[in-house]
Structures are given as C-alpha cells and as structure tokens.
C-alpha cells in the first residue's frame, strides 16, 4: 500500500462518513418536513372548523335578527294603523268618564249591571254558564267589559 492509496482510502472513508451523515440528516429533514406539513394541515382544519362554526353562528343570529325585526315592525305597523283599537285612543281609554268604573252607568251598584238582577241582559258568562262580569255600551259606541266587582277588564272598540 502506498501513501497515495492510504490518502485516497482515507478520503474515501471521509466521503462515505459524510454520505452516511447526509443520509441521516436527510431522513431527519424528511421527518421534520412531514411534521411541518402535518401541523399545517391540522391548523388549516382547525381554521376551517372555526370558520364553519362562526358562519353557523352568524347565520343563526342573522335569522333571529330578521325574525325579531319583522315581528316588531309588524306589531308597530298594526298599532299605528289601528289607532281606533288602541287604549291610547281617548274613546277607548279608561280615563274617559264614559268608560270609567266610577261612572254609575258602569258600576255594579247600578241594578242593571248587578249579578243579583236575574233579568239583566248585559251579563258576560264563561263556558260553564257562570257569570264573570257584564258589558256596558258607552255613548261613543265602545263596549266596556267589567268583572262582577266593577273592574274594567276590556273593551270592544267602535266599528267606525
């Protein structure tokens, strides 16, 4: 064996050793790259899931908002259009003397409204035939409903 051969075998050993280390490092690199790719895929799936959940909540809230707004606007609209039926209308108001329980015409102390008057024609009865109150028409055309104690429990607006 000559020095040149020793040198070349020594160099060859170094090259072989470097090749082995490169192969080990490339396997580590491939494993590392695979982990990065796997992690990126997991992150993308999580983001998609969050986006789906956020979209679902947005859709639910949007539908609820539409229902709320449509029901509110419908009730507000009907109140504005039907002022004749509103208790804020003076004709229907309990503050109007014609509708007041303090008016003798509407009082249970008036014999025409008394539950003791068996010939009264203005009694209001439940489904079992029990008298629960009476009705009294006001001069304005409103029909007021009172319980047997004289408390105003409702009204029927005029048909104007």
Protein backbone atom coordinates (compact mmCIF):
# COMPACT_ATOMS: atom_id res chain seq x y z
CA UNK A 1 0.00 0.00 0.00
CA UNK A 2 1.32 3.34 -0.92
CA UNK A 3 0.71 6.70 0.70
CA UNK A 4 -1.46 7.73 -2.19
CA UNK A 5 -3.68 4.71 -1.69
CA UNK A 6 -3.82 5.43 2.03
CA UNK A 7 -4.73 9.01 1.29
CA UNK A 8 -7.38 8.06 -1.17
CA UNK A 9 -8.86 5.41 1.13
CA UNK A 10 -8.77 7.93 3.94
CA UNK A 11 -10.54 10.46 1.72
CA UNK A 12 -12.94 7.78 0.59
CA UNK A 13 -13.74 6.97 4.25
CA UNK A 14 -14.38 10.65 4.90
CA UNK A 15 -16.69 10.83 1.90
CA UNK A 16 -18.51 7.67 2.99
CA UNK A 17 -18.86 9.06 6.51
CA UNK A 18 -20.20 12.35 5.12
CA UNK A 19 -22.63 10.47 2.86
CA UNK A 20 -23.92 8.49 5.89
CA UNK A 21 -24.37 11.68 7.88
CA UNK A 22 -26.12 13.36 4.96
CA UNK A 23 -28.48 10.36 4.64
CA UNK A 24 -29.24 10.52 8.39
CA UNK A 25 -29.73 14.27 8.18
CA UNK A 26 -31.92 13.96 5.10
CA UNK A 27 -34.08 11.38 6.92
CA UNK A 28 -34.34 13.76 9.87
CA UNK A 29 -35.13 16.56 7.44
CA UNK A 30 -37.83 14.48 5.73
CA UNK A 31 -39.34 13.62 9.13
CA UNK A 32 -39.21 17.27 10.15
CA UNK A 33 -40.79 18.36 6.87
CA UNK A 34 -43.51 15.72 7.29
CA UNK A 35 -44.25 17.04 10.79
CA UNK A 36 -44.45 20.60 9.49
CA UNK A 37 -46.83 19.55 6.70
CA UNK A 38 -48.94 17.56 9.19
CA UNK A 39 -49.05 20.51 11.58
CA UNK A 40 -50.03 22.90 8.76
CA UNK A 41 -52.86 20.54 7.72
CA UNK A 42 -54.10 20.38 11.31
CA UNK A 43 -54.01 24.17 11.58
CA UNK A 44 -55.95 24.51 8.30
CA UNK A 45 -58.58 22.03 9.52
CA UNK A 46 -58.92 23.93 12.81
CA UNK A 47 -59.28 27.22 10.93
CA UNK A 48 -61.91 25.72 8.63
CA UNK A 49 -63.80 24.32 11.63
CA UNK A 50 -63.71 27.69 13.40
CA UNK A 51 -64.83 29.43 10.23
CA UNK A 52 -67.70 26.95 9.85
CA UNK A 53 -68.73 27.49 13.48
CA UNK A 54 -68.52 31.25 13.11
CA UNK A 55 -70.54 31.09 9.90
CA UNK A 56 -73.17 28.92 11.62
CA UNK A 57 -73.49 31.39 14.49
CA UNK A 58 -73.64 34.29 12.06
CA UNK A 59 -76.45 32.61 10.12
CA UNK A 60 -78.37 31.80 13.31
CA UNK A 61 -78.01 35.35 14.63
CA UNK A 62 -78.98 36.77 11.26
CA UNK A 63 -82.15 34.68 11.11
CA UNK A 64 -83.04 35.65 14.69
CA UNK A 65 -82.50 39.31 13.85
CA UNK A 66 -84.72 39.07 10.78
CA UNK A 67 -87.48 37.38 12.81
CA UNK A 68 -87.23 39.99 15.57
CA UNK A 69 -87.26 42.93 13.19
CA UNK A 70 -90.13 41.58 11.12
CA UNK A 71 -92.26 40.79 14.16
CA UNK A 72 -91.50 44.15 15.75
CA UNK A 73 -92.19 46.12 12.62
CA UNK A 74 -95.41 44.20 12.07
CA UNK A 75 -96.71 44.96 15.55
CA UNK A 76 -95.64 48.58 15.36
CA UNK A 77 -97.30 48.90 11.99
CA UNK A 78 -100.58 47.45 13.26
CA UNK A 79 -100.55 49.80 16.24
CA UNK A 80 -100.07 52.79 14.01
CA UNK A 81 -102.71 51.78 11.50
CA UNK A 82 -105.33 50.71 14.08
CA UNK A 83 -105.35 53.69 16.41
CA UNK A 84 -109.11 53.26 16.68
CA UNK A 85 -108.45 50.00 18.57
CA UNK A 86 -105.74 51.43 20.81
CA UNK A 87 -106.27 52.01 24.54
CA UNK A 88 -104.34 55.26 23.98
CA UNK A 89 -107.28 56.49 21.92
CA UNK A 90 -109.44 58.70 24.20
CA UNK A 91 -112.60 56.95 23.01
CA UNK A 92 -111.28 53.63 24.41
CA UNK A 93 -109.42 55.00 27.43
CA UNK A 94 -110.49 54.08 30.98
CA UNK A 95 -109.76 57.75 31.82
CA UNK A 96 -112.70 58.71 29.65
CA UNK A 97 -115.69 59.16 32.00
CA UNK A 98 -117.92 57.09 29.72
CA UNK A 99 -115.57 54.10 30.19
CA UNK A 100 -114.75 54.63 33.85
CA UNK A 101 -115.83 52.13 36.52
CA UNK A 102 -116.54 55.20 38.70
CA UNK A 103 -119.38 56.21 36.35
CA UNK A 104 -122.65 54.97 37.89
CA UNK A 105 -123.76 53.66 34.48
CA UNK A 106 -120.78 51.25 34.57
CA UNK A 107 -120.93 50.43 38.29
CA UNK A 108 -122.02 47.05 39.69
CA UNK A 109 -124.05 49.10 42.20
CA UNK A 110 -126.32 50.01 39.28
CA UNK A 111 -129.07 47.38 39.40
CA UNK A 112 -128.89 46.97 35.61
CA UNK A 113 -125.31 45.65 35.99
CA UNK A 114 -125.79 43.72 39.22
CA UNK A 115 -125.26 39.96 39.33
CA UNK A 116 -128.36 39.90 41.57
CA UNK A 117 -130.52 41.16 38.69
CA UNK A 118 -131.61 37.94 37.03
CA UNK A 119 -133.35 39.74 34.18
CA UNK A 120 -130.22 41.72 33.19
CA UNK A 121 -129.32 41.26 29.53
CA UNK A 122 -125.74 42.53 29.71
CA UNK A 123 -124.12 39.66 31.61
CA UNK A 124 -120.93 38.01 30.39
CA UNK A 125 -120.66 34.28 31.10
CA UNK A 126 -117.89 31.68 30.90
CA UNK A 127 -118.21 28.32 29.12
CA UNK A 128 -119.76 26.68 32.21
CA UNK A 129 -122.51 29.28 32.45
CA UNK A 130 -121.06 31.21 35.39
CA UNK A 131 -121.44 34.97 35.27
CA UNK A 132 -117.96 36.53 35.18
CA UNK A 133 -118.96 40.12 34.53
CA UNK A 134 -121.07 42.45 32.45
CA UNK A 135 -120.82 44.71 29.43
CA UNK A 136 -121.91 48.32 29.16
CA UNK A 137 -122.06 50.24 25.86
CA UNK A 138 -120.68 53.77 26.09
CA UNK A 139 -122.31 56.67 24.21
CA UNK A 140 -119.27 56.72 21.87
CA UNK A 141 -120.05 53.17 20.71
CA UNK A 142 -117.31 51.44 22.70
CA UNK A 143 -118.46 48.36 24.59
CA UNK A 144 -116.77 48.14 28.01
CA UNK A 145 -116.38 44.83 29.83
CA UNK A 146 -116.30 44.79 33.63
CA UNK A 147 -115.86 41.94 36.11
CA UNK A 148 -118.52 41.47 38.81
CA UNK A 149 -116.53 43.74 41.15
CA UNK A 150 -116.70 46.66 38.70
CA UNK A 151 -113.11 46.49 37.41
CA UNK A 152 -112.81 47.23 33.72
CA UNK A 153 -111.28 44.13 32.12
CA UNK A 154 -111.54 45.04 28.46
CA UNK A 155 -113.35 46.83 25.71
CA UNK A 156 -114.52 46.42 22.15
CA UNK A 157 -113.71 49.48 20.02
CA UNK A 158 -116.28 51.21 17.92
CA UNK A 159 -116.97 49.82 14.50
CA UNK A 160 -116.25 53.15 12.80
